[in-house]
Every structure is written in C-alpha cells, then in structure tokens.
Amino acid sequence: MLAAPSHPQSNNTGSPSFIIVGVTGQGKKFRPSDWAERLCGVMSVFGAERRMKYSPYVGPCHYDGQKAVLVDGRLDQIEPMAYRFMLNFARDNDLQVVDSACPIDRKP
C-alpha cells in the first residue's frame, strides 16, 4: 500500500497509476456507499449522444471486495490538477491508496 504523496513525482516513465480504496486508515468503510461513483462523476463529461461518460483516466472498480477508484497515471500528463485532486481526496479522507501497474483500458 502506498501513502498518498502530496506532490507526486513525474519521471520519464510517467506518474504512477493508483487505486483509492474505500477503507480508511483505521479500517472503517468509507461512506456514503456511492462515494466511488460520485468521485468519478466529478471527472465525467457529456458525450455527443448527450449521455454522461466517465473519464477514460478515472473509473470506479472493486479492490479486495471494497469499492474503489482506479486513477490512471496518464491523467497527470493531461490534467495535473485533476491528478492531484484525486490524491488529495484520498489523503484528506484517510483512504487507503494502492499502487496499480495497470492503466485503465477503455475505448472512448
């Protein structure tokens, strides 16, 4: 498990992808129960068909049986403030952050 850095370091290989797990540092389940969908909704856009779509760089998932959000490290190259927002959300809410070697692989 990684601690959420306040200022992630970019390097030649890019910023790390990570998973925000809906469990606090004290092991309590994070509430509300739809927190992952709400957080991903902040990064959503409305497409041409007038439907909301999750960002291709941030998506809800499950990790070890818990609700979670996968953040693709490529987000830092495209929108550094959004990447830092996700890290700060995890830190501010004392949520567990896990290193993820797998970027989100979604078709736009």
C-alpha atoms as a PDB file:
ATOM      1  CA  MET A   1       0.000   0.000   0.000  1.00  0.00           C
ATOM      2  CA  LEU A   2       1.263   3.470  -0.864  1.00  0.00           C
ATOM      3  CA  ALA A   3       0.809   6.643   1.099  1.00  0.00           C
ATOM      4  CA  ALA A   4      -0.813   9.350  -0.993  1.00  0.00           C
ATOM      5  CA  PRO A   5       2.033  11.752  -1.785  1.00  0.00           C
ATOM      6  CA  SER A   6       1.227  15.441  -1.587  1.00  0.00           C
ATOM      7  CA  HIS A   7       3.224  16.155  -4.750  1.00  0.00           C
ATOM      8  CA  PRO A   8       3.727  13.089  -6.943  1.00  0.00           C
ATOM      9  CA  GLN A   9       6.977  12.995  -8.835  1.00  0.00           C
ATOM     10  CA  SER A  10       6.754  12.602 -12.585  1.00  0.00           C
ATOM     11  CA  ASN A  11       9.564  10.766 -14.283  1.00  0.00           C
ATOM     12  CA  ASN A  12      10.356   9.509 -17.760  1.00  0.00           C
ATOM     13  CA  THR A  13       8.013   6.562 -17.315  1.00  0.00           C
ATOM     14  CA  GLY A  14       5.146   8.822 -16.177  1.00  0.00           C
ATOM     15  CA  SER A  15       3.236   9.199 -12.946  1.00  0.00           C
ATOM     16  CA  PRO A  16       2.044   6.082 -11.167  1.00  0.00           C
ATOM     17  CA  SER A  17      -1.447   4.729 -11.587  1.00  0.00           C
ATOM     18  CA  PHE A  18      -3.135   4.055  -8.265  1.00  0.00           C
ATOM     19  CA  ILE A  19      -6.307   2.744  -6.691  1.00  0.00           C
ATOM     20  CA  ILE A  20      -8.196   4.629  -3.981  1.00  0.00           C
ATOM     21  CA  VAL A  21      -9.837   2.006  -1.764  1.00  0.00           C
ATOM     22  CA  GLY A  22     -12.995   2.835   0.193  1.00  0.00           C
ATOM     23  CA  VAL A  23     -11.448   1.876   3.528  1.00  0.00           C
ATOM     24  CA  THR A  24      -9.945   4.373   5.954  1.00  0.00           C
ATOM     25  CA  GLY A  25      -6.602   4.022   7.639  1.00  0.00           C
ATOM     26  CA  GLN A  26      -8.497   2.759  10.701  1.00  0.00           C
ATOM     27  CA  GLY A  27     -10.123   0.007   8.626  1.00  0.00           C
ATOM     28  CA  LYS A  28     -13.603   1.588   8.514  1.00  0.00           C
ATOM     29  CA  LYS A  29     -15.717   1.507   5.349  1.00  0.00           C
ATOM     30  CA  PHE A  30     -15.890   4.937   3.711  1.00  0.00           C
ATOM     31  CA  ARG A  31     -19.344   6.468   3.372  1.00  0.00           C
ATOM     32  CA  PRO A  32     -21.571   7.281   1.563  1.00  0.00           C
ATOM     33  CA  SER A  33     -21.904   3.938  -0.187  1.00  0.00           C
ATOM     34  CA  ASP A  34     -21.819   5.566  -3.650  1.00  0.00           C
ATOM     35  CA  TRP A  35     -18.660   7.580  -2.967  1.00  0.00           C
ATOM     36  CA  ALA A  36     -16.730   5.978  -5.869  1.00  0.00           C
ATOM     37  CA  GLU A  37     -19.408   6.826  -8.431  1.00  0.00           C
ATOM     38  CA  ARG A  38     -19.670  10.369  -7.076  1.00  0.00           C
ATOM     39  CA  LEU A  39     -15.919  10.883  -7.213  1.00  0.00           C
ATOM     40  CA  CYS A  40     -15.750   9.535 -10.764  1.00  0.00           C
ATOM     41  CA  GLY A  41     -18.718  11.742 -11.646  1.00  0.00           C
ATOM     42  CA  VAL A  42     -16.575  14.789 -10.905  1.00  0.00           C
ATOM     43  CA  MET A  43     -14.336  13.688 -13.775  1.00  0.00           C
ATOM     44  CA  SER A  44     -17.214  12.846 -16.155  1.00  0.00           C
ATOM     45  CA  VAL A  45     -18.175  14.587 -19.363  1.00  0.00           C
ATOM     46  CA  PHE A  46     -21.273  14.629 -21.515  1.00  0.00           C
ATOM     47  CA  GLY A  47     -20.683  12.986 -24.878  1.00  0.00           C
ATOM     48  CA  ALA A  48     -22.173  13.793 -28.255  1.00  0.00           C
ATOM     49  CA  GLU A  49     -25.083  11.437 -27.577  1.00  0.00           C
ATOM     50  CA  ARG A  50     -25.964  13.559 -24.506  1.00  0.00           C
ATOM     51  CA  ARG A  51     -25.006  10.846 -22.059  1.00  0.00           C
ATOM     52  CA  MET A  52     -22.581  11.226 -19.218  1.00  0.00           C
ATOM     53  CA  LYS A  53     -19.359   9.216 -19.596  1.00  0.00           C
ATOM     54  CA  TYR A  54     -16.675   8.504 -17.059  1.00  0.00           C
ATOM     55  CA  SER A  55     -13.252   9.844 -17.887  1.00  0.00           C
ATOM     56  CA  PRO A  56     -11.013   7.329 -19.653  1.00  0.00           C
ATOM     57  CA  TYR A  57      -8.478   8.014 -16.858  1.00  0.00           C
ATOM     58  CA  VAL A  58     -10.650   7.614 -13.743  1.00  0.00           C
ATOM     59  CA  GLY A  59     -13.130   4.828 -13.131  1.00  0.00           C
ATOM     60  CA  PRO A  60     -14.971   3.011 -10.366  1.00  0.00           C
ATOM     61  CA  CYS A  61     -13.879  -0.543  -9.626  1.00  0.00           C
ATOM     62  CA  HIS A  62     -13.631  -3.030  -6.778  1.00  0.00           C
ATOM     63  CA  TYR A  63     -10.440  -3.866  -4.949  1.00  0.00           C
ATOM     64  CA  ASP A  64     -10.214  -6.710  -2.467  1.00  0.00           C
ATOM     65  CA  GLY A  65     -14.021  -6.717  -2.116  1.00  0.00           C
ATOM     66  CA  GLN A  66     -14.254  -2.971  -1.480  1.00  0.00           C
ATOM     67  CA  LYS A  67     -15.478  -0.112  -3.667  1.00  0.00           C
ATOM     68  CA  ALA A  68     -12.552   1.682  -5.206  1.00  0.00           C
ATOM     69  CA  VAL A  69     -11.486   4.172  -7.864  1.00  0.00           C
ATOM     70  CA  LEU A  70      -8.724   3.450 -10.356  1.00  0.00           C
ATOM     71  CA  VAL A  71      -6.726   6.522 -11.403  1.00  0.00           C
ATOM     72  CA  ASP A  72      -4.586   6.145 -14.499  1.00  0.00           C
ATOM     73  CA  GLY A  73      -1.183   7.826 -14.119  1.00  0.00           C
ATOM     74  CA  ARG A  74      -1.533   9.304 -17.611  1.00  0.00           C
ATOM     75  CA  LEU A  75      -4.044  11.753 -16.100  1.00  0.00           C
ATOM     76  CA  ASP A  76      -1.118  13.668 -14.581  1.00  0.00           C
ATOM     77  CA  GLN A  77       0.240  14.407 -18.071  1.00  0.00           C
ATOM     78  CA  ILE A  78      -3.143  15.555 -19.387  1.00  0.00           C
ATOM     79  CA  GLU A  79      -4.556  17.362 -16.349  1.00  0.00           C
ATOM     80  CA  PRO A  80      -2.127  17.604 -13.407  1.00  0.00           C
ATOM     81  CA  MET A  81      -4.647  19.437 -11.192  1.00  0.00           C
ATOM     82  CA  ALA A  82      -7.163  16.604 -11.575  1.00  0.00           C
ATOM     83  CA  TYR A  83      -4.476  14.039 -10.726  1.00  0.00           C
ATOM     84  CA  ARG A  84      -3.527  15.969  -7.576  1.00  0.00           C
ATOM     85  CA  PHE A  85      -7.233  16.360  -6.714  1.00  0.00           C
ATOM     86  CA  MET A  86      -7.624  12.571  -6.674  1.00  0.00           C
ATOM     87  CA  LEU A  87      -4.529  12.134  -4.493  1.00  0.00           C
ATOM     88  CA  ASN A  88      -5.682  14.880  -2.132  1.00  0.00           C
ATOM     89  CA  PHE A  89      -9.169  13.358  -1.894  1.00  0.00           C
ATOM     90  CA  ALA A  90      -7.623  10.100  -0.707  1.00  0.00           C
ATOM     91  CA  ARG A  91      -5.310  11.851   1.754  1.00  0.00           C
ATOM     92  CA  ASP A  92      -7.962  14.224   3.122  1.00  0.00           C
ATOM     93  CA  ASN A  93     -10.356  11.326   3.764  1.00  0.00           C
ATOM     94  CA  ASP A  94      -7.651   8.993   5.135  1.00  0.00           C
ATOM     95  CA  LEU A  95      -8.389   6.422   2.419  1.00  0.00           C
ATOM     96  CA  GLN A  96      -6.068   3.601   1.506  1.00  0.00           C
ATOM     97  CA  VAL A  97      -4.099   4.069  -1.718  1.00  0.00           C
ATOM     98  CA  VAL A  98      -2.656   1.092  -3.569  1.00  0.00           C
ATOM     99  CA  ASP A  99      -0.095   1.218  -6.346  1.00  0.00           C
ATOM    100  CA  SER A 100      -1.520  -0.051  -9.626  1.00  0.00           C
ATOM    101  CA  ALA A 101       0.633  -1.091 -12.549  1.00  0.00           C
ATOM    102  CA  CYS A 102      -2.469  -1.396 -14.766  1.00  0.00           C
ATOM    103  CA  PRO A 103      -3.759   1.722 -16.529  1.00  0.00           C
ATOM    104  CA  ILE A 104      -7.435   1.925 -17.365  1.00  0.00           C
ATOM    105  CA  ASP A 105      -8.014   0.317 -20.741  1.00  0.00           C
ATOM    106  CA  ARG A 106     -11.294   1.703 -22.043  1.00  0.00           C
ATOM    107  CA  LYS A 107     -12.414   2.558 -25.519  1.00  0.00           C
ATOM    108  CA  PRO A 108     -13.598   6.211 -25.751  1.00  0.00           C
END
